[in-house]
Amino acid sequence: LLLLEWQVVVVSADAELRFAACELLLLLLHPFEWAQAYLPTLPDGPLLMLLHAPFPFLVGLQPHQTAQLPRPTPARLAVLRLDSGELEGPHESLPELPRRDWAPLLAALEAAQARMQ
């Protein structure tokens, strides 16, 4: 979702877990870098209006702050609830990888798996 520059919200009551999850998501982008809004802990107050922004972001929220999420939920917004292990959204379909791109990848993965057995 981050590679598609969609909006991602990470929710947890545990601030350290929330921060670690946000950092892990950024690390998974390697070799790319996230150049959009990134707030692993969004404080209460006026900054919560960021959740209504039209641009991509990666934001960490406390559970009580989810009441500030836009309703209806935007099609390109995903909410990862770490405490319950739930992923809500996105409500827009993910684009499919063209066969010319996934076929060689699948072949390489199958070859690597065969070597490991």
Foldseek 3Di string as FASTA:
>chain_A
DVVVFFAEEEEDQDLVVLLVVQVVVQVVPPVDGRPDAEASEDDPDDSLCVLVDPGGYYYYYYVVSCVSHDPPHALRYWYQYVVVRDIDDNNDDDDDDDCVPVVVVVVVVVVVVVVVD
